[in-house]
C-alpha atoms as a PDB file:
ATOM      1  CA  MET A   1     -15.559  -3.718   0.137  1.00  0.00           C
ATOM      2  CA  ARG A   2     -12.081  -2.215  -0.112  1.00  0.00           C
ATOM      3  CA  ILE A   3      -8.607  -3.789  -0.157  1.00  0.00           C
ATOM      4  CA  ILE A   4      -5.719  -1.924   1.450  1.00  0.00           C
ATOM      5  CA  ILE A   5      -2.084  -2.562   0.558  1.00  0.00           C
ATOM      6  CA  SER A   6       1.299  -1.020   1.321  1.00  0.00           C
ATOM      7  CA  PRO A   7       3.376   0.934  -1.174  1.00  0.00           C
ATOM      8  CA  ALA A   8       6.867  -0.161  -2.234  1.00  0.00           C
ATOM      9  CA  LYS A   9      10.222   1.530  -1.725  1.00  0.00           C
ATOM     10  CA  LYS A  10      11.290   0.956  -5.325  1.00  0.00           C
ATOM     11  CA  MET A  11       9.411   3.052  -7.874  1.00  0.00           C
ATOM     12  CA  ASN A  12       9.641   3.889 -11.555  1.00  0.00           C
ATOM     13  CA  GLN A  13       8.232   6.385 -14.020  1.00  0.00           C
ATOM     14  CA  ASP A  14       6.067   4.904 -16.790  1.00  0.00           C
ATOM     15  CA  LEU A  15       4.545   7.482 -19.115  1.00  0.00           C
ATOM     16  CA  ASP A  16       3.674   5.038 -21.906  1.00  0.00           C
ATOM     17  CA  THR A  17       1.709   2.020 -20.678  1.00  0.00           C
ATOM     18  CA  LEU A  18      -1.438   3.725 -19.332  1.00  0.00           C
ATOM     19  CA  ASP A  19      -2.581   7.265 -18.654  1.00  0.00           C
ATOM     20  CA  TYR A  20      -3.179   8.321 -15.073  1.00  0.00           C
ATOM     21  CA  GLY A  21      -6.747   9.119 -14.020  1.00  0.00           C
ATOM     22  CA  ASN A  22      -6.797  11.760 -11.295  1.00  0.00           C
ATOM     23  CA  LEU A  23      -4.532  13.629  -8.947  1.00  0.00           C
ATOM     24  CA  PRO A  24      -4.218  12.104  -5.434  1.00  0.00           C
ATOM     25  CA  MET A  25      -6.982  13.127  -3.014  1.00  0.00           C
ATOM     26  CA  PHE A  26      -4.578  14.464  -0.367  1.00  0.00           C
ATOM     27  CA  LEU A  27      -2.254  16.333  -2.717  1.00  0.00           C
ATOM     28  CA  GLU A  28      -2.272  19.511  -0.596  1.00  0.00           C
ATOM     29  CA  ASP A  29      -0.956  17.492   2.343  1.00  0.00           C
ATOM     30  CA  THR A  30       1.676  15.944   0.096  1.00  0.00           C
ATOM     31  CA  LYS A  31       2.832  19.442  -0.849  1.00  0.00           C
ATOM     32  CA  LYS A  32       3.401  20.186   2.852  1.00  0.00           C
ATOM     33  CA  ILE A  33       5.503  17.044   3.217  1.00  0.00           C
ATOM     34  CA  LEU A  34       7.514  17.882   0.112  1.00  0.00           C
ATOM     35  CA  GLY A  35       8.090  21.386   1.443  1.00  0.00           C
ATOM     36  CA  GLN A  36       9.575  19.922   4.626  1.00  0.00           C
ATOM     37  CA  LEU A  37      11.780  17.487   2.691  1.00  0.00           C
ATOM     38  CA  GLU A  38      13.077  20.358   0.560  1.00  0.00           C
ATOM     39  CA  THR A  39      14.410  22.089   3.692  1.00  0.00           C
ATOM     40  CA  MET A  40      16.544  19.067   4.623  1.00  0.00           C
ATOM     41  CA  ASN A  41      20.136  18.600   3.504  1.00  0.00           C
ATOM     42  CA  TYR A  42      21.617  15.438   2.026  1.00  0.00           C
ATOM     43  CA  GLU A  43      22.868  13.991   5.322  1.00  0.00           C
ATOM     44  CA  GLU A  44      19.525  14.579   7.035  1.00  0.00           C
ATOM     45  CA  LEU A  45      17.653  12.915   4.186  1.00  0.00           C
ATOM     46  CA  LYS A  46      20.026   9.940   4.086  1.00  0.00           C
ATOM     47  CA  ALA A  47      19.679   9.448   7.859  1.00  0.00           C
ATOM     48  CA  MET A  48      15.897   9.508   7.575  1.00  0.00           C
ATOM     49  CA  TRP A  49      15.880   7.087   4.650  1.00  0.00           C
ATOM     50  CA  LYS A  50      18.427   4.736   6.262  1.00  0.00           C
ATOM     51  CA  CYS A  51      19.897   3.811   2.898  1.00  0.00           C
ATOM     52  CA  ASN A  52      23.170   3.775   0.987  1.00  0.00           C
ATOM     53  CA  ASP A  53      24.640   6.693  -0.939  1.00  0.00           C
ATOM     54  CA  GLN A  54      23.419   5.504  -4.332  1.00  0.00           C
ATOM     55  CA  ILE A  55      19.782   5.392  -3.212  1.00  0.00           C
ATOM     56  CA  ALA A  56      20.107   8.592  -1.187  1.00  0.00           C
ATOM     57  CA  LYS A  57      21.558  10.558  -4.108  1.00  0.00           C
ATOM     58  CA  LEU A  58      18.845   9.331  -6.468  1.00  0.00           C
ATOM     59  CA  ASN A  59      16.056  10.322  -4.100  1.00  0.00           C
ATOM     60  CA  GLU A  60      17.599  13.652  -3.175  1.00  0.00           C
ATOM     61  CA  GLU A  61      17.706  14.477  -6.886  1.00  0.00           C
ATOM     62  CA  ARG A  62      14.049  13.524  -7.121  1.00  0.00           C
ATOM     63  CA  ILE A  63      13.122  15.869  -4.290  1.00  0.00           C
ATOM     64  CA  ARG A  64      15.103  18.812  -5.676  1.00  0.00           C
ATOM     65  CA  GLY A  65      13.335  18.560  -9.029  1.00  0.00           C
ATOM     66  CA  MET A  66       9.965  17.187  -7.972  1.00  0.00           C
ATOM     67  CA  ALA A  67       6.823  18.464  -9.722  1.00  0.00           C
ATOM     68  CA  LEU A  68       3.730  16.865  -8.223  1.00  0.00           C
ATOM     69  CA  GLU A  69       1.411  17.563 -11.151  1.00  0.00           C
ATOM     70  CA  ALA A  70       3.616  16.761 -14.152  1.00  0.00           C
ATOM     71  CA  ALA A  71       4.919  13.572 -15.825  1.00  0.00           C
ATOM     72  CA  LEU A  72       2.731  11.348 -13.655  1.00  0.00           C
ATOM     73  CA  THR A  73       2.502   7.561 -13.584  1.00  0.00           C
ATOM     74  CA  PRO A  74      -0.583   5.612 -12.424  1.00  0.00           C
ATOM     75  CA  ALA A  75       0.239   4.522  -8.864  1.00  0.00           C
ATOM     76  CA  ILE A  76      -0.435   0.861  -9.596  1.00  0.00           C
ATOM     77  CA  LEU A  77       2.284   0.880 -12.294  1.00  0.00           C
ATOM     78  CA  SER A  78       4.755   3.066 -10.406  1.00  0.00           C
ATOM     79  CA  TYR A  79       5.487   0.783  -7.437  1.00  0.00           C
ATOM     80  CA  GLU A  80       7.863  -2.098  -8.181  1.00  0.00           C
ATOM     81  CA  GLY A  81       8.104  -4.115  -4.958  1.00  0.00           C
ATOM     82  CA  ILE A  82       7.571  -7.857  -4.650  1.00  0.00           C
ATOM     83  CA  GLN A  83       3.859  -7.514  -3.945  1.00  0.00           C
ATOM     84  CA  TYR A  84       3.379  -5.523  -7.151  1.00  0.00           C
ATOM     85  CA  GLN A  85       5.492  -7.927  -9.196  1.00  0.00           C
ATOM     86  CA  TYR A  86       3.224 -10.806  -8.175  1.00  0.00           C
ATOM     87  CA  MET A  87       0.105  -8.723  -8.670  1.00  0.00           C
ATOM     88  CA  ALA A  88       1.405  -8.003 -12.211  1.00  0.00           C
ATOM     89  CA  PRO A  89      -1.045  -5.170 -12.956  1.00  0.00           C
ATOM     90  CA  ALA A  90       0.656  -4.343 -16.282  1.00  0.00           C
ATOM     91  CA  VAL A  91      -0.962  -7.447 -17.811  1.00  0.00           C
ATOM     92  CA  PHE A  92      -4.424  -7.098 -16.246  1.00  0.00           C
ATOM     93  CA  GLU A  93      -7.480  -7.373 -18.459  1.00  0.00           C
ATOM     94  CA  THR A  94      -9.654  -4.260 -18.687  1.00  0.00           C
ATOM     95  CA  GLU A  95     -12.253  -5.622 -16.252  1.00  0.00           C
ATOM     96  CA  ALA A  96      -9.561  -6.281 -13.654  1.00  0.00           C
ATOM     97  CA  TYR A  97      -8.444  -2.650 -13.943  1.00  0.00           C
ATOM     98  CA  HIS A  98     -12.014  -1.532 -13.344  1.00  0.00           C
ATOM     99  CA  TYR A  99     -12.189  -3.792 -10.303  1.00  0.00           C
ATOM    100  CA  ILE A 100      -9.027  -2.514  -8.635  1.00  0.00           C
ATOM    101  CA  GLU A 101      -9.866   1.123  -9.371  1.00  0.00           C
ATOM    102  CA  GLU A 102     -13.048   0.664  -7.335  1.00  0.00           C
ATOM    103  CA  HIS A 103     -11.776  -1.717  -4.666  1.00  0.00           C
ATOM    104  CA  LEU A 104      -8.028  -1.242  -4.145  1.00  0.00           C
ATOM    105  CA  ARG A 105      -6.439   1.503  -2.033  1.00  0.00           C
ATOM    106  CA  ILE A 106      -2.684   2.049  -1.548  1.00  0.00           C
ATOM    107  CA  LEU A 107      -1.585   3.595   1.765  1.00  0.00           C
ATOM    108  CA  SER A 108       1.398   5.929   1.515  1.00  0.00           C
ATOM    109  CA  GLY A 109       3.454   8.039   3.885  1.00  0.00           C
ATOM    110  CA  PHE A 110       3.888  10.660   1.142  1.00  0.00           C
ATOM    111  CA  TYR A 111       0.482  10.656  -0.561  1.00  0.00           C
ATOM    112  CA  GLY A 112      -1.807   9.420   2.208  1.00  0.00           C
ATOM    113  CA  MET A 113      -4.207   7.142   0.349  1.00  0.00           C
ATOM    114  CA  LEU A 114      -4.128   6.454  -3.371  1.00  0.00           C
ATOM    115  CA  LYS A 115      -6.480   4.951  -5.896  1.00  0.00           C
ATOM    116  CA  PRO A 116      -4.694   2.733  -8.428  1.00  0.00           C
ATOM    117  CA  PHE A 117      -4.853   5.245 -11.282  1.00  0.00           C
ATOM    118  CA  ASP A 118      -3.980   8.352  -9.299  1.00  0.00           C
ATOM    119  CA  GLY A 119      -0.975  10.032 -10.883  1.00  0.00           C
ATOM    120  CA  VAL A 120       2.212   9.920  -8.787  1.00  0.00           C
ATOM    121  CA  VAL A 121       5.925  10.653  -9.049  1.00  0.00           C
ATOM    122  CA  PRO A 122       8.691   8.428  -7.665  1.00  0.00           C
ATOM    123  CA  TYR A 123       9.546   9.212  -4.032  1.00  0.00           C
ATOM    124  CA  ARG A 124      11.021   7.526  -0.972  1.00  0.00           C
ATOM    125  CA  LEU A 125       9.249   8.000   2.351  1.00  0.00           C
ATOM    126  CA  GLU A 126       8.202   5.217   4.684  1.00  0.00           C
ATOM    127  CA  MET A 127       5.324   5.788   7.080  1.00  0.00           C
ATOM    128  CA  GLN A 128       7.562   5.178  10.081  1.00  0.00           C
ATOM    129  CA  ALA A 129      10.206   7.673   8.925  1.00  0.00           C
ATOM    130  CA  LYS A 130      11.295  10.192  11.560  1.00  0.00           C
ATOM    131  CA  LEU A 131       9.879  13.339   9.987  1.00  0.00           C
ATOM    132  CA  SER A 132       8.221  16.221  11.848  1.00  0.00           C
ATOM    133  CA  ILE A 133       5.659  18.269   9.909  1.00  0.00           C
ATOM    134  CA  ASP A 134       3.417  21.151  10.977  1.00  0.00           C
ATOM    135  CA  GLY A 135       4.177  20.493  14.638  1.00  0.00           C
ATOM    136  CA  HIS A 136       3.395  16.773  14.342  1.00  0.00           C
ATOM    137  CA  LYS A 137       6.147  14.484  15.633  1.00  0.00           C
ATOM    138  CA  ASN A 138       5.801  11.914  12.837  1.00  0.00           C
ATOM    139  CA  LEU A 139       3.776  10.918   9.797  1.00  0.00           C
ATOM    140  CA  TYR A 140       1.253   8.928  11.829  1.00  0.00           C
ATOM    141  CA  ALA A 141       0.422  12.068  13.792  1.00  0.00           C
ATOM    142  CA  PHE A 142       0.397  14.193  10.626  1.00  0.00           C
ATOM    143  CA  TRP A 143      -2.043  11.951   8.771  1.00  0.00           C
ATOM    144  CA  LYS A 144      -3.947  10.976  11.928  1.00  0.00           C
ATOM    145  CA  ASP A 145      -7.413   9.697  10.892  1.00  0.00           C
ATOM    146  CA  LYS A 146      -7.571  11.207   7.377  1.00  0.00           C
ATOM    147  CA  MET A 147      -7.035   7.934   5.533  1.00  0.00           C
ATOM    148  CA  ALA A 148      -9.345   5.993   7.822  1.00  0.00           C
ATOM    149  CA  ASN A 149     -12.172   8.515   7.535  1.00  0.00           C
ATOM    150  CA  GLU A 150     -11.940   8.540   3.754  1.00  0.00           C
ATOM    151  CA  LEU A 151     -11.885   4.744   3.648  1.00  0.00           C
ATOM    152  CA  PHE A 152     -14.876   4.447   5.968  1.00  0.00           C
ATOM    153  CA  LYS A 153     -16.872   6.775   3.709  1.00  0.00           C
ATOM    154  CA  GLU A 154     -16.403   4.245   0.937  1.00  0.00           C
ATOM    155  CA  THR A 155     -17.071   0.973   2.751  1.00  0.00           C
ATOM    156  CA  ASN A 156     -17.701  -0.853   6.014  1.00  0.00           C
ATOM    157  CA  CYS A 157     -15.751  -3.949   4.895  1.00  0.00           C
ATOM    158  CA  ILE A 158     -11.965  -3.890   4.526  1.00  0.00           C
ATOM    159  CA  VAL A 159      -9.570  -6.633   3.427  1.00  0.00           C
ATOM    160  CA  ASN A 160      -6.211  -5.810   5.007  1.00  0.00           C
ATOM    161  CA  LEU A 161      -3.259  -6.846   2.845  1.00  0.00           C
ATOM    162  CA  ALA A 162      -1.037  -4.068   4.190  1.00  0.00           C
ATOM    163  CA  SER A 163       1.963  -4.460   6.455  1.00  0.00           C
ATOM    164  CA  LYS A 164       1.616  -3.498  10.117  1.00  0.00           C
ATOM    165  CA  GLU A 165       3.516  -0.262   9.394  1.00  0.00           C
ATOM    166  CA  TYR A 166       0.684   0.856   7.133  1.00  0.00           C
ATOM    167  CA  SER A 167      -2.372  -0.837   8.630  1.00  0.00           C
ATOM    168  CA  LYS A 168      -1.609   1.246  11.754  1.00  0.00           C
ATOM    169  CA  CYS A 169      -2.996   4.201   9.779  1.00  0.00           C
ATOM    170  CA  ILE A 170      -6.437   2.567   9.838  1.00  0.00           C
ATOM    171  CA  GLU A 171      -6.727   0.182  12.793  1.00  0.00           C
ATOM    172  CA  PRO A 172      -6.787   2.757  15.660  1.00  0.00           C
ATOM    173  CA  TYR A 173      -9.915   4.311  14.153  1.00  0.00           C
ATOM    174  CA  LEU A 174     -11.974   1.170  13.581  1.00  0.00           C
ATOM    175  CA  THR A 175     -15.494   1.056  14.997  1.00  0.00           C
ATOM    176  CA  ASP A 176     -17.853  -1.844  15.622  1.00  0.00           C
ATOM    177  CA  GLU A 177     -19.576  -1.021  12.323  1.00  0.00           C
ATOM    178  CA  ILE A 178     -16.438  -1.760  10.293  1.00  0.00           C
ATOM    179  CA  GLN A 179     -15.508  -5.308   9.314  1.00  0.00           C
ATOM    180  CA  PHE A 180     -11.711  -5.390   9.124  1.00  0.00           C
ATOM    181  CA  VAL A 181     -10.158  -8.701   8.077  1.00  0.00           C
ATOM    182  CA  THR A 182      -6.389  -9.183   8.008  1.00  0.00           C
ATOM    183  CA  CYS A 183      -4.999 -11.887   5.746  1.00  0.00           C
ATOM    184  CA  VAL A 184      -2.042 -13.852   7.106  1.00  0.00           C
ATOM    185  CA  PHE A 185       0.075 -16.039   4.817  1.00  0.00           C
ATOM    186  CA  GLY A 186       2.327 -18.380   6.737  1.00  0.00           C
ATOM    187  CA  GLU A 187       3.556 -21.819   7.663  1.00  0.00           C
ATOM    188  CA  VAL A 188       2.903 -23.842  10.799  1.00  0.00           C
ATOM    189  CA  VAL A 189       6.065 -24.211  12.886  1.00  0.00           C
ATOM    190  CA  ASP A 190       5.834 -25.940  16.275  1.00  0.00           C
ATOM    191  CA  GLY A 191       2.086 -25.436  16.248  1.00  0.00           C
ATOM    192  CA  LYS A 192       2.297 -21.692  15.554  1.00  0.00           C
ATOM    193  CA  VAL A 193       1.758 -19.748  12.356  1.00  0.00           C
ATOM    194  CA  LYS A 194       4.929 -17.999  11.170  1.00  0.00           C
ATOM    195  CA  GLU A 195       4.976 -15.454   8.356  1.00  0.00           C
ATOM    196  CA  LYS A 196       8.060 -14.980   6.191  1.00  0.00           C
ATOM    197  CA  GLY A 197       8.276 -11.464   4.796  1.00  0.00           C
ATOM    198  CA  THR A 198       9.090 -12.204   1.174  1.00  0.00           C
ATOM    199  CA  TYR A 199       6.569 -15.028   0.820  1.00  0.00           C
ATOM    200  CA  ALA A 200       3.863 -12.953   2.508  1.00  0.00           C
ATOM    201  CA  LYS A 201       4.469 -10.084   0.067  1.00  0.00           C
ATOM    202  CA  MET A 202       4.249 -12.489  -2.846  1.00  0.00           C
ATOM    203  CA  ALA A 203       0.965 -13.882  -1.554  1.00  0.00           C
ATOM    204  CA  ARG A 204      -0.531 -10.433  -0.951  1.00  0.00           C
ATOM    205  CA  GLY A 205       0.113  -9.547  -4.556  1.00  0.00           C
ATOM    206  CA  GLU A 206      -1.368 -12.821  -5.735  1.00  0.00           C
ATOM    207  CA  MET A 207      -4.433 -12.216  -3.543  1.00  0.00           C
ATOM    208  CA  VAL A 208      -5.108  -8.867  -5.208  1.00  0.00           C
ATOM    209  CA  ARG A 209      -4.812 -10.530  -8.607  1.00  0.00           C
ATOM    210  CA  PHE A 210      -7.100 -13.381  -7.484  1.00  0.00           C
ATOM    211  CA  MET A 211      -9.747 -10.929  -6.246  1.00  0.00           C
ATOM    212  CA  ALA A 212      -9.559  -8.836  -9.404  1.00  0.00           C
ATOM    213  CA  GLU A 213      -9.746 -11.790 -11.768  1.00  0.00           C
ATOM    214  CA  HIS A 214     -12.692 -13.321  -9.877  1.00  0.00           C
ATOM    215  CA  LYS A 215     -14.387  -9.957  -9.225  1.00  0.00           C
ATOM    216  CA  ILE A 216     -14.737 -10.778  -5.518  1.00  0.00           C
ATOM    217  CA  GLU A 217     -17.509  -8.824  -3.789  1.00  0.00           C
ATOM    218  CA  ASP A 218     -18.164 -11.066  -0.769  1.00  0.00           C
ATOM    219  CA  ILE A 219     -15.291 -11.292   1.700  1.00  0.00           C
ATOM    220  CA  GLU A 220     -16.074 -14.973   2.338  1.00  0.00           C
ATOM    221  CA  GLN A 221     -15.074 -15.706  -1.255  1.00  0.00           C
ATOM    222  CA  ILE A 222     -11.417 -14.920  -0.592  1.00  0.00           C
ATOM    223  CA  LYS A 223     -11.213 -18.136   1.428  1.00  0.00           C
ATOM    224  CA  ALA A 224     -11.036 -19.928  -1.942  1.00  0.00           C
ATOM    225  CA  PHE A 225      -7.597 -18.381  -2.612  1.00  0.00           C
ATOM    226  CA  ASN A 226      -5.135 -21.143  -3.514  1.00  0.00           C
ATOM    227  CA  HIS A 227      -2.173 -19.489  -5.233  1.00  0.00           C
ATOM    228  CA  LEU A 228       1.493 -20.266  -4.432  1.00  0.00           C
ATOM    229  CA  GLY A 229       0.453 -23.376  -2.516  1.00  0.00           C
ATOM    230  CA  TYR A 230      -1.555 -21.492   0.145  1.00  0.00           C
ATOM    231  CA  ARG A 231      -4.895 -22.727   1.437  1.00  0.00           C
ATOM    232  CA  PHE A 232      -7.324 -21.159   3.887  1.00  0.00           C
ATOM    233  CA  GLU A 233      -7.082 -22.840   7.301  1.00  0.00           C
ATOM    234  CA  ASP A 234     -10.176 -22.451   9.424  1.00  0.00           C
ATOM    235  CA  ALA A 235      -8.498 -23.842  12.546  1.00  0.00           C
ATOM    236  CA  TYR A 236      -6.123 -20.860  12.737  1.00  0.00           C
ATOM    237  CA  SER A 237      -8.589 -18.224  11.557  1.00  0.00           C
ATOM    238  CA  ASN A 238     -11.266 -16.109  13.197  1.00  0.00           C
ATOM    239  CA  GLU A 239     -13.650 -13.290  12.273  1.00  0.00           C
ATOM    240  CA  THR A 240     -10.872 -10.697  12.012  1.00  0.00           C
ATOM    241  CA  THR A 241      -7.978 -12.826  10.735  1.00  0.00           C
ATOM    242  CA  TYR A 242      -8.049 -15.146   7.757  1.00  0.00           C
ATOM    243  CA  VAL A 243      -5.013 -17.449   7.851  1.00  0.00           C
ATOM    244  CA  PHE A 244      -3.672 -19.137   4.731  1.00  0.00           C
ATOM    245  CA  ILE A 245      -1.159 -21.925   5.266  1.00  0.00           C
ATOM    246  CA  LYS A 246       1.465 -22.958   2.738  1.00  0.00           C
ATOM    247  CA  ALA A 247       1.465 -26.703   2.221  1.00  0.00           C
END
């Protein structure tokens, strides 16, 4: 079984807490992306990032001085978004680290697919960014089925805790042999399940923590998740979607 999650826009460098394990598996592809970013000027980068000047200047500086094999942070400690805050990997017990290293995969527009202890540098690049590389019109076309094929080598059972932007890197390549279960965290409004972005991110992080702490190996066991007031609701769920409703 593998768990897939999205990256976060906000990143940091942490060279003290834990050492990184390996270099990312698709580092040669990342070098191609970096090479393309290095050809772009400030205005082009800012337009692609769709951000303010402060964020654009920071990330342009990162690109101009980026070394992909030096001063690396384990991916799981580098991302700082809401999902990662609620996962709180910095305070995991050793066994939980072992669990996520085997089971957790982070999908990234820049790195492709990461294991938690792969060494990364801070970057800003969403999967849906308008960036043409090697004749490919966007990052989805550039990465194509590389992430999916690598994931399918590892498992035939996937817990999807990624956003739609990132799960689109895997879903088009699913076969009947792959069990792919998406977790939805929402509330019932007028008889329909509605997800709220921030709360869903919080719950995804809590789900990773729950699975790591309980060493979940059977996908049915995640139905016991009860953090942040969520409970599994069979009436709204099916074989490919597990729905958790907030009381």
